[in-house]
Amino acid sequence: MALLRQVLALMGRHDAALTPTAFAVFYEHVAGLNGPLSAALQAQGRLDDGAVQRLYQDHVAEQSLADAHRIQVDMQRVMTDIAQSAAHTDRAAGAFGQTLDGLGGVLDGLQATLCPEIDAARMGTQAMRHSVQALQDQVRAGQREVQRLRGDLARSRSDALMCPLTGVLNRRGFEERLQAMLHQPPAPEQVHCLVLIDIDHFKRVNDEHGHPVGDRVLQGLGAVLRSVPAEPGMACARYGGEEFAILLPHTQLDTAVRVAEAVRHRTHGIRLRHRDTQAVACTITVSAGVAAWRAGDDPEALLAGADAALYRSKAQGRDRVMVA
């Protein structure tokens, strides 16, 4: 209760709405559970919804996703063992059932000439055969349920790596795909490329039109990224805030530039209109930076190259693509 009062008092001094996400951020700070979060929070002034959401994604959600992934891996291993055991039981029950069928046939032939004990054995064999059949049915139903749960876990894992607002990978999904891309050297005569894309004047969009409109702009760019013809292995992600990324493994630099230009041109179709007159208030544009991975570069070097190219795009007037 003491922590609750402190959290509510602290939240009241900021502009962010009183949401579960905001409560999680401020609670972990007040309770002293998350040092990096506290340092990031104290370095900022009054926090709005966007700032709280970024703090949550960077310092709270990442740990939750890591825990969820670990649990999913453990459950996947357990369910695989169950599926293997069920398959073994199914085979054993089937073989035993066949043995009982054969024994039942023999007993049926001997019933007329042997003592009543044989008749009792025959009846017991039939009952056992029905029990084995029931066991087989139960095991197969269990196998189907295990397969369904494994599918649910796979979808849950996929959802954990997606940005629900934009429909592309989130930061965690991007980092996993980046590591996977750089884990293997590019094919001969090819390179690994990274494109960083930033929405021009996005803060102005939020300030002048409100965050719900800003969210629709983000959704629109997500749709643009999903609509661009995909190159082999290409992956699109929301890198953070209004910044997006495209990974292009085993490609050519001019191909990466062509993809970035396609995104830039298609983004021109995102227009904000006045609600009453439907007149165009502004057209959304993006700036992009393209970098190619060089042997010996780590992920940070590739990101730094693309970020430097993106900075030049903005410095030279925005709405353009530059190459590191």
Protein backbone atom coordinates (compact mmCIF):
# COMPACT_ATOMS: atom_id res chain seq x y z
CA MET A 1 0.00 0.00 0.00
CA ALA A 2 2.87 2.35 0.75
CA LEU A 3 4.37 1.67 -2.68
CA LEU A 4 0.97 2.17 -4.30
CA ARG A 5 0.60 5.60 -2.72
CA GLN A 6 4.12 6.58 -3.85
CA VAL A 7 3.49 5.35 -7.39
CA LEU A 8 0.21 7.24 -7.73
CA ALA A 9 1.75 10.41 -6.32
CA LEU A 10 4.63 10.18 -8.79
CA MET A 11 2.36 9.41 -11.75
CA GLY A 12 0.29 12.47 -10.89
CA ARG A 13 3.30 14.68 -11.60
CA HIS A 14 3.54 13.48 -15.21
CA ASP A 15 1.37 13.90 -18.31
CA ALA A 16 1.07 10.19 -19.10
CA ALA A 17 -2.32 8.57 -18.63
CA LEU A 18 -2.91 6.24 -15.67
CA THR A 19 -2.63 2.97 -17.59
CA PRO A 20 -1.35 -0.49 -16.57
CA THR A 21 1.74 0.11 -18.70
CA ALA A 22 2.49 3.40 -16.94
CA PHE A 23 1.86 1.81 -13.55
CA ALA A 24 4.34 -0.99 -14.35
CA VAL A 25 7.01 1.57 -15.28
CA PHE A 26 6.56 3.73 -12.19
CA TYR A 27 6.10 0.77 -9.85
CA GLU A 28 9.40 -0.85 -10.88
CA HIS A 29 11.11 2.52 -10.42
CA VAL A 30 9.61 3.26 -6.99
CA ALA A 31 10.18 -0.30 -5.75
CA GLY A 32 13.83 -0.18 -6.83
CA LEU A 33 13.44 -3.28 -9.01
CA ASN A 34 14.94 -1.93 -12.23
CA GLY A 35 18.09 0.18 -12.05
CA PRO A 36 18.41 0.92 -15.80
CA LEU A 37 14.75 1.97 -15.91
CA SER A 38 15.20 4.31 -12.94
CA ALA A 39 18.26 5.91 -14.54
CA ALA A 40 16.42 6.44 -17.84
CA LEU A 41 13.33 7.79 -16.10
CA GLN A 42 15.25 10.26 -13.95
CA ALA A 43 17.11 11.57 -17.01
CA GLN A 44 13.84 12.81 -18.51
CA GLY A 45 11.43 15.55 -17.53
CA ARG A 46 7.66 15.27 -17.57
CA LEU A 47 6.68 12.06 -19.30
CA ASP A 48 3.88 11.75 -21.84
CA ASP A 49 2.30 8.51 -23.10
CA GLY A 50 4.92 8.06 -25.82
CA ALA A 51 7.84 8.45 -23.41
CA VAL A 52 6.30 5.99 -20.94
CA GLN A 53 5.66 3.49 -23.72
CA ARG A 54 9.31 3.73 -24.83
CA LEU A 55 10.52 3.22 -21.26
CA TYR A 56 8.25 0.20 -20.95
CA GLN A 57 9.44 -1.34 -24.22
CA ASP A 58 13.13 -0.69 -23.51
CA HIS A 59 13.32 -1.64 -19.83
CA VAL A 60 10.24 -3.65 -18.79
CA ALA A 61 8.82 -5.53 -21.77
CA GLU A 62 12.20 -6.87 -22.92
CA GLN A 63 12.65 -8.79 -19.65
CA SER A 64 9.10 -10.08 -19.85
CA LEU A 65 9.69 -11.33 -23.37
CA ALA A 66 12.91 -13.03 -22.33
CA ASP A 67 11.10 -14.83 -19.51
CA ALA A 68 8.27 -15.80 -21.84
CA HIS A 69 10.72 -17.16 -24.41
CA ARG A 70 12.51 -19.24 -21.78
CA ILE A 71 9.20 -20.68 -20.59
CA GLN A 72 8.16 -21.45 -24.16
CA VAL A 73 11.43 -23.29 -24.83
CA ASP A 74 10.96 -25.39 -21.68
CA MET A 75 7.34 -26.18 -22.55
CA GLN A 76 8.33 -27.06 -26.10
CA ARG A 77 10.86 -29.59 -24.77
CA VAL A 78 8.34 -31.12 -22.35
CA MET A 79 5.67 -31.41 -25.05
CA THR A 80 8.14 -33.00 -27.45
CA ASP A 81 8.92 -35.64 -24.80
CA ILE A 82 5.20 -36.19 -24.22
CA ALA A 83 4.58 -36.59 -27.93
CA GLN A 84 7.38 -39.16 -28.24
CA SER A 85 6.12 -41.08 -25.19
CA ALA A 86 2.58 -41.01 -26.56
CA ALA A 87 3.74 -42.35 -29.92
CA HIS A 88 5.62 -45.17 -28.16
CA THR A 89 2.58 -46.01 -26.03
CA ASP A 90 0.37 -45.98 -29.11
CA ARG A 91 2.64 -48.45 -30.90
CA ALA A 92 2.91 -50.69 -27.82
CA ALA A 93 -0.84 -50.66 -27.26
CA GLY A 94 -1.44 -51.49 -30.91
CA ALA A 95 0.93 -54.46 -30.78
CA PHE A 96 -0.64 -55.69 -27.55
CA GLY A 97 -4.08 -55.33 -29.09
CA GLN A 98 -3.05 -57.49 -32.03
CA THR A 99 -1.72 -60.12 -29.60
CA LEU A 100 -5.01 -60.09 -27.72
CA ASP A 101 -6.93 -60.39 -30.99
CA GLY A 102 -4.93 -63.51 -31.84
CA LEU A 103 -5.41 -64.96 -28.37
CA GLY A 104 -9.12 -64.22 -28.52
CA GLY A 105 -9.41 -66.14 -31.76
CA VAL A 106 -7.65 -69.14 -30.26
CA LEU A 107 -9.86 -69.07 -27.19
CA ASP A 108 -12.98 -68.84 -29.33
CA GLY A 109 -11.96 -72.05 -31.11
CA LEU A 110 -11.25 -73.89 -27.84
CA GLN A 111 -14.34 -72.72 -25.99
CA ALA A 112 -16.51 -75.67 -26.94
CA THR A 113 -14.08 -78.34 -25.79
CA LEU A 114 -12.33 -76.86 -22.73
CA CYS A 115 -13.41 -76.00 -19.24
CA PRO A 116 -15.32 -72.87 -18.10
CA GLU A 117 -12.01 -71.24 -17.03
CA ILE A 118 -11.13 -70.88 -20.71
CA ASP A 119 -14.43 -69.11 -21.29
CA ALA A 120 -13.60 -66.67 -18.48
CA ALA A 121 -10.15 -66.07 -20.03
CA ARG A 122 -11.79 -65.36 -23.38
CA MET A 123 -14.11 -62.80 -21.81
CA GLY A 124 -11.19 -61.21 -19.99
CA THR A 125 -9.24 -61.02 -23.22
CA GLN A 126 -12.11 -59.24 -24.94
CA ALA A 127 -12.35 -56.75 -22.08
CA MET A 128 -8.60 -56.12 -22.23
CA ARG A 129 -8.82 -55.61 -25.99
CA HIS A 130 -11.51 -52.94 -25.46
CA SER A 131 -9.35 -51.27 -22.80
CA VAL A 132 -6.34 -51.20 -25.14
CA GLN A 133 -8.51 -49.65 -27.87
CA ALA A 134 -9.68 -46.97 -25.43
CA LEU A 135 -6.06 -46.31 -24.46
CA GLN A 136 -5.07 -45.94 -28.10
CA ASP A 137 -7.91 -43.47 -28.69
CA GLN A 138 -6.89 -41.47 -25.62
CA VAL A 139 -3.22 -41.41 -26.62
CA ARG A 140 -4.06 -40.23 -30.14
CA ALA A 141 -6.31 -37.50 -28.75
CA GLY A 142 -3.43 -36.47 -26.50
CA GLN A 143 -1.08 -36.37 -29.46
CA ARG A 144 -3.46 -34.07 -31.34
CA GLU A 145 -3.69 -31.79 -28.31
CA VAL A 146 0.11 -31.68 -28.00
CA GLN A 147 0.39 -30.70 -31.66
CA ARG A 148 -2.21 -27.96 -31.15
CA LEU A 149 -0.36 -26.60 -28.12
CA ARG A 150 2.93 -26.64 -30.01
CA GLY A 151 1.29 -24.62 -32.75
CA ASP A 152 -0.07 -22.16 -30.17
CA LEU A 153 3.42 -21.77 -28.70
CA ALA A 154 4.92 -21.14 -32.12
CA ARG A 155 2.30 -18.46 -32.82
CA SER A 156 2.88 -16.96 -29.37
CA ARG A 157 6.61 -16.82 -30.03
CA SER A 158 5.96 -15.14 -33.38
CA ASP A 159 3.58 -12.62 -31.80
CA ALA A 160 6.19 -11.73 -29.17
CA LEU A 161 8.52 -10.60 -31.96
CA MET A 162 5.93 -8.48 -33.80
CA CYS A 163 4.90 -4.85 -33.34
CA PRO A 164 1.10 -5.04 -32.96
CA LEU A 165 0.59 -1.47 -34.17
CA THR A 166 2.49 -1.70 -37.46
CA GLY A 167 2.42 -5.42 -38.28
CA VAL A 168 6.19 -5.68 -38.76
CA LEU A 169 8.90 -7.04 -36.45
CA ASN A 170 9.50 -5.21 -33.18
CA ARG A 171 12.93 -4.23 -31.82
CA ARG A 172 13.52 -7.67 -30.34
CA GLY A 173 12.53 -9.40 -33.57
CA PHE A 174 14.83 -7.07 -35.49
CA GLU A 175 17.80 -7.82 -33.26
CA GLU A 176 17.27 -11.58 -33.60
CA ARG A 177 17.07 -11.36 -37.40
CA LEU A 178 20.11 -9.06 -37.52
CA GLN A 179 22.18 -11.50 -35.48
CA ALA A 180 21.02 -14.39 -37.67
CA MET A 181 21.89 -12.44 -40.83
CA LEU A 182 25.40 -11.56 -39.67
CA HIS A 183 26.03 -15.06 -38.33
CA GLN A 184 26.60 -16.28 -41.88
CA PRO A 185 28.89 -14.63 -44.43
CA PRO A 186 27.16 -13.25 -47.52
CA ALA A 187 27.05 -15.31 -50.68
CA PRO A 188 29.81 -14.68 -53.27
CA GLU A 189 29.49 -11.31 -55.02
CA GLN A 190 26.80 -10.27 -52.52
CA VAL A 191 26.55 -8.26 -49.30
CA HIS A 192 24.30 -7.97 -46.27
CA CYS A 193 22.49 -4.61 -46.24
CA LEU A 194 20.59 -2.58 -43.67
CA VAL A 195 18.18 0.27 -44.39
CA LEU A 196 17.15 2.66 -41.61
CA ILE A 197 14.04 4.74 -42.28
CA ASP A 198 12.76 7.67 -40.25
CA ILE A 199 9.44 9.52 -40.66
CA ASP A 200 10.14 13.18 -41.36
CA HIS A 201 8.75 15.73 -38.87
CA PHE A 202 6.90 13.03 -36.94
CA LYS A 203 6.94 15.08 -33.72
CA ARG A 204 5.12 17.84 -35.59
CA VAL A 205 2.48 15.34 -36.68
CA ASN A 206 1.90 14.31 -33.05
CA ASP A 207 1.92 17.88 -31.77
CA GLU A 208 -0.41 19.30 -34.44
CA HIS A 209 -2.75 16.36 -35.05
CA GLY A 210 -2.52 14.26 -31.88
CA HIS A 211 -1.07 10.88 -31.00
CA PRO A 212 -3.98 8.85 -32.46
CA VAL A 213 -3.20 10.37 -35.86
CA GLY A 214 0.48 9.68 -35.29
CA ASP A 215 -0.38 6.05 -34.63
CA ARG A 216 -2.28 5.89 -37.93
CA VAL A 217 0.78 7.27 -39.71
CA LEU A 218 2.89 4.52 -38.14
CA GLN A 219 0.31 1.97 -39.23
CA GLY A 220 0.42 3.42 -42.74
CA LEU A 221 4.19 3.08 -42.97
CA GLY A 222 3.92 -0.49 -41.67
CA ALA A 223 1.48 -1.19 -44.51
CA VAL A 224 3.91 0.38 -46.99
CA LEU A 225 6.75 -1.83 -45.78
CA ARG A 226 4.57 -4.92 -46.12
CA SER A 227 3.50 -3.87 -49.63
CA VAL A 228 6.99 -3.43 -51.09
CA PRO A 229 7.96 -6.47 -53.20
CA ALA A 230 10.05 -8.61 -50.89
CA GLU A 231 13.58 -9.60 -51.75
CA PRO A 232 14.74 -13.09 -50.63
CA GLY A 233 15.16 -13.10 -46.85
CA MET A 234 14.05 -9.48 -46.47
CA ALA A 235 12.70 -8.51 -43.04
CA CYS A 236 11.07 -5.23 -41.99
CA ALA A 237 10.94 -3.98 -38.41
CA ARG A 238 9.96 -1.05 -36.26
CA TYR A 239 13.30 -0.14 -34.76
CA GLY A 240 11.89 2.33 -32.25
CA GLY A 241 9.44 5.24 -32.17
CA GLU A 242 9.07 6.51 -35.72
CA GLU A 243 12.21 4.73 -36.96
CA PHE A 244 11.99 1.55 -39.05
CA ALA A 245 14.55 -0.87 -40.47
CA ILE A 246 14.85 -3.27 -43.40
CA LEU A 247 17.29 -6.18 -43.38
CA LEU A 248 18.40 -7.48 -46.78
CA PRO A 249 20.73 -10.51 -46.55
CA HIS A 250 22.70 -11.82 -49.51
CA THR A 251 21.88 -8.94 -51.83
CA GLN A 252 23.45 -6.08 -53.78
CA LEU A 253 23.82 -2.51 -52.54
CA ASP A 254 21.85 -1.14 -55.50
CA THR A 255 19.02 -3.57 -54.65
CA ALA A 256 18.88 -2.23 -51.10
CA VAL A 257 18.79 1.34 -52.45
CA ARG A 258 15.98 0.36 -54.83
CA VAL A 259 13.94 -1.09 -51.95
CA ALA A 260 14.52 2.05 -49.87
CA GLU A 261 13.43 4.25 -52.80
CA ALA A 262 10.30 2.14 -53.27
CA VAL A 263 9.39 2.70 -49.62
CA ARG A 264 10.08 6.43 -49.94
CA HIS A 265 7.89 6.82 -53.04
CA ARG A 266 5.02 4.74 -51.65
CA THR A 267 5.05 6.71 -48.40
CA HIS A 268 4.00 9.79 -50.39
CA GLY A 269 0.59 8.13 -50.55
CA ILE A 270 0.11 8.66 -46.79
CA ARG A 271 -1.71 11.99 -46.53
CA LEU A 272 -3.31 13.69 -43.56
CA ARG A 273 -6.60 15.42 -44.39
CA HIS A 274 -8.72 17.94 -42.51
CA ARG A 275 -11.72 16.16 -41.11
CA ASP A 276 -14.25 18.79 -42.23
CA THR A 277 -12.98 19.77 -45.69
CA GLN A 278 -10.95 16.65 -46.59
CA ALA A 279 -8.25 19.02 -47.85
CA VAL A 280 -4.73 17.57 -47.58
CA ALA A 281 -3.06 18.96 -44.47
CA CYS A 282 0.30 17.34 -45.17
CA THR A 283 1.94 14.48 -47.02
CA ILE A 284 4.12 12.09 -45.05
CA THR A 285 7.70 11.61 -46.22
CA VAL A 286 10.59 9.52 -44.98
CA SER A 287 14.36 9.74 -45.02
CA ALA A 288 16.51 6.64 -45.34
CA GLY A 289 20.10 5.53 -44.89
CA VAL A 290 21.57 2.40 -46.46
CA ALA A 291 24.67 0.56 -45.28
CA ALA A 292 26.40 -2.62 -46.41
CA TRP A 293 28.07 -4.99 -43.96
CA ARG A 294 31.82 -5.41 -44.34
CA ALA A 295 33.82 -8.38 -43.10
CA GLY A 296 34.79 -7.79 -39.49
CA ASP A 297 31.91 -5.41 -38.76
CA ASP A 298 29.78 -6.14 -35.73
CA PRO A 299 26.06 -5.26 -35.60
CA GLU A 300 26.84 -1.91 -33.99
CA ALA A 301 29.13 -0.94 -36.87
CA LEU A 302 26.46 -1.77 -39.45
CA LEU A 303 23.84 0.20 -37.49
CA ALA A 304 26.22 3.14 -37.11
CA GLY A 305 26.83 3.23 -40.85
CA ALA A 306 23.13 3.21 -41.71
CA ASP A 307 22.40 5.79 -39.00
CA ALA A 308 25.09 8.11 -40.33
CA ALA A 309 23.63 7.84 -43.83
CA LEU A 310 20.15 8.54 -42.41
CA TYR A 311 21.50 11.63 -40.65
CA ARG A 312 22.91 12.90 -43.96
CA SER A 313 19.52 12.34 -45.59
CA LYS A 314 17.88 14.57 -43.03
CA ALA A 315 20.66 17.16 -43.13
CA GLN A 316 20.36 17.47 -46.90
CA GLY A 317 16.64 18.20 -46.92
CA ARG A 318 14.84 14.95 -45.97
CA ASP A 319 12.68 12.81 -48.26
CA ARG A 320 15.72 11.12 -49.79
CA VAL A 321 17.91 8.01 -49.59
CA MET A 322 21.62 8.20 -48.82
CA VAL A 323 24.25 5.46 -48.80
CA ALA A 324 26.90 5.05 -46.12
